[in-house]
Amino acid sequence: MTLGECIKKARQKVFLTQSAFADELSVSLSTVSRWEADKSKPNLVAMKEIKNFCSKYSLPYNAIEVAWLNQEDNTNE
């Protein structure tokens, strides 16, 4: 499963739209859209917010972390 798929799955498990998820993480809707499409990956600060989100909703975080660590960064971040 790709990082984008892992993030989308976590978001959908708590029935949030991309917009509501973006608000939870204090990022833009377009940022969440790019993550889920695997066009970019979260930076370290965003990963901490995703971890907090997973903890808040009792969601597994490990798969997201592993996918993040294994994804090649093909962006100009």
C-alpha atoms as a PDB file:
ATOM      1  CA  MET A   1       0.000   0.000   0.000  1.00  0.00           C
ATOM      2  CA  THR A   2       1.365   3.428  -0.910  1.00  0.00           C
ATOM      3  CA  LEU A   3       1.712   6.299   1.530  1.00  0.00           C
ATOM      4  CA  GLY A   4      -1.181   8.102  -0.140  1.00  0.00           C
ATOM      5  CA  GLU A   5      -3.413   5.057   0.206  1.00  0.00           C
ATOM      6  CA  CYS A   6      -2.481   4.721   3.891  1.00  0.00           C
ATOM      7  CA  ILE A   7      -3.310   8.363   4.585  1.00  0.00           C
ATOM      8  CA  LYS A   8      -6.600   8.133   2.681  1.00  0.00           C
ATOM      9  CA  LYS A   9      -7.582   4.962   4.526  1.00  0.00           C
ATOM     10  CA  ALA A  10      -6.921   6.585   7.922  1.00  0.00           C
ATOM     11  CA  ARG A  11      -8.969   9.640   6.921  1.00  0.00           C
ATOM     12  CA  GLN A  12     -11.859   7.546   5.645  1.00  0.00           C
ATOM     13  CA  LYS A  13     -11.952   5.345   8.761  1.00  0.00           C
ATOM     14  CA  VAL A  14     -13.219   8.341  10.728  1.00  0.00           C
ATOM     15  CA  PHE A  15     -15.474   9.518   7.869  1.00  0.00           C
ATOM     16  CA  LEU A  16     -13.690  12.805   7.227  1.00  0.00           C
ATOM     17  CA  THR A  17     -13.590  14.665   3.943  1.00  0.00           C
ATOM     18  CA  GLN A  18     -10.216  15.792   2.660  1.00  0.00           C
ATOM     19  CA  SER A  19     -11.154  19.307   3.742  1.00  0.00           C
ATOM     20  CA  ALA A  20     -12.019  18.288   7.310  1.00  0.00           C
ATOM     21  CA  PHE A  21      -8.853  16.189   7.510  1.00  0.00           C
ATOM     22  CA  ALA A  22      -6.803  19.143   6.278  1.00  0.00           C
ATOM     23  CA  ASP A  23      -8.352  21.306   9.003  1.00  0.00           C
ATOM     24  CA  GLU A  24      -7.481  18.681  11.641  1.00  0.00           C
ATOM     25  CA  LEU A  25      -3.833  18.747  10.534  1.00  0.00           C
ATOM     26  CA  SER A  26      -3.650  22.506   9.891  1.00  0.00           C
ATOM     27  CA  VAL A  27      -2.694  22.029   6.240  1.00  0.00           C
ATOM     28  CA  SER A  28      -4.435  22.985   3.013  1.00  0.00           C
ATOM     29  CA  LEU A  29      -6.916  20.848   1.130  1.00  0.00           C
ATOM     30  CA  SER A  30      -4.564  20.773  -1.860  1.00  0.00           C
ATOM     31  CA  THR A  31      -1.799  19.407   0.367  1.00  0.00           C
ATOM     32  CA  VAL A  32      -3.966  16.479   1.471  1.00  0.00           C
ATOM     33  CA  SER A  33      -4.994  15.898  -2.141  1.00  0.00           C
ATOM     34  CA  ARG A  34      -1.334  15.756  -3.255  1.00  0.00           C
ATOM     35  CA  TRP A  35      -0.468  13.341  -0.427  1.00  0.00           C
ATOM     36  CA  GLU A  36      -3.324  10.985  -1.288  1.00  0.00           C
ATOM     37  CA  ALA A  37      -2.383  11.070  -4.976  1.00  0.00           C
ATOM     38  CA  ASP A  38       1.251  10.282  -4.042  1.00  0.00           C
ATOM     39  CA  LYS A  39       2.403  13.503  -5.711  1.00  0.00           C
ATOM     40  CA  SER A  40       4.126  14.677  -2.534  1.00  0.00           C
ATOM     41  CA  LYS A  41       4.721  13.380   0.930  1.00  0.00           C
ATOM     42  CA  PRO A  42       4.215  14.981   4.334  1.00  0.00           C
ATOM     43  CA  ASN A  43       7.172  16.706   5.941  1.00  0.00           C
ATOM     44  CA  LEU A  44       8.266  15.810   9.465  1.00  0.00           C
ATOM     45  CA  VAL A  45       5.966  18.369  11.118  1.00  0.00           C
ATOM     46  CA  ALA A  46       2.980  17.029   9.161  1.00  0.00           C
ATOM     47  CA  MET A  47       3.922  13.462  10.079  1.00  0.00           C
ATOM     48  CA  LYS A  48       3.800  14.431  13.756  1.00  0.00           C
ATOM     49  CA  GLU A  49       0.312  15.853  13.174  1.00  0.00           C
ATOM     50  CA  ILE A  50      -0.752  12.655  11.380  1.00  0.00           C
ATOM     51  CA  LYS A  51       0.580  10.632  14.307  1.00  0.00           C
ATOM     52  CA  ASN A  52      -1.422  12.789  16.722  1.00  0.00           C
ATOM     53  CA  PHE A  53      -4.494  12.360  14.504  1.00  0.00           C
ATOM     54  CA  CYS A  54      -4.085   8.574  14.557  1.00  0.00           C
ATOM     55  CA  SER A  55      -3.641   8.600  18.316  1.00  0.00           C
ATOM     56  CA  LYS A  56      -6.718  10.806  18.805  1.00  0.00           C
ATOM     57  CA  TYR A  57      -8.910   8.438  16.787  1.00  0.00           C
ATOM     58  CA  SER A  58      -7.203   5.193  17.916  1.00  0.00           C
ATOM     59  CA  LEU A  59      -5.985   4.431  14.394  1.00  0.00           C
ATOM     60  CA  PRO A  60      -2.853   2.449  13.564  1.00  0.00           C
ATOM     61  CA  TYR A  61       0.059   4.699  12.612  1.00  0.00           C
ATOM     62  CA  ASN A  62       2.786   2.156  11.882  1.00  0.00           C
ATOM     63  CA  ALA A  63       1.795   1.483   8.244  1.00  0.00           C
ATOM     64  CA  ILE A  64       1.790   5.220   7.502  1.00  0.00           C
ATOM     65  CA  GLU A  65       5.206   5.656   9.093  1.00  0.00           C
ATOM     66  CA  VAL A  66       6.700   2.695   7.231  1.00  0.00           C
ATOM     67  CA  ALA A  67       5.258   3.899   3.909  1.00  0.00           C
ATOM     68  CA  TRP A  68       6.623   7.416   4.592  1.00  0.00           C
ATOM     69  CA  LEU A  69      10.095   6.079   5.365  1.00  0.00           C
ATOM     70  CA  ASN A  70      10.113   3.845   2.279  1.00  0.00           C
ATOM     71  CA  GLN A  71       8.675   6.308  -0.249  1.00  0.00           C
ATOM     72  CA  GLU A  72      11.186   7.905  -2.536  1.00  0.00           C
ATOM     73  CA  ASP A  73      10.951  11.656  -2.492  1.00  0.00           C
ATOM     74  CA  ASN A  74      10.432  12.667  -6.127  1.00  0.00           C
ATOM     75  CA  THR A  75       9.337  16.184  -5.230  1.00  0.00           C
ATOM     76  CA  ASN A  76      11.188  19.441  -4.841  1.00  0.00           C
ATOM     77  CA  GLU A  77      10.255  19.967  -1.184  1.00  0.00           C
END
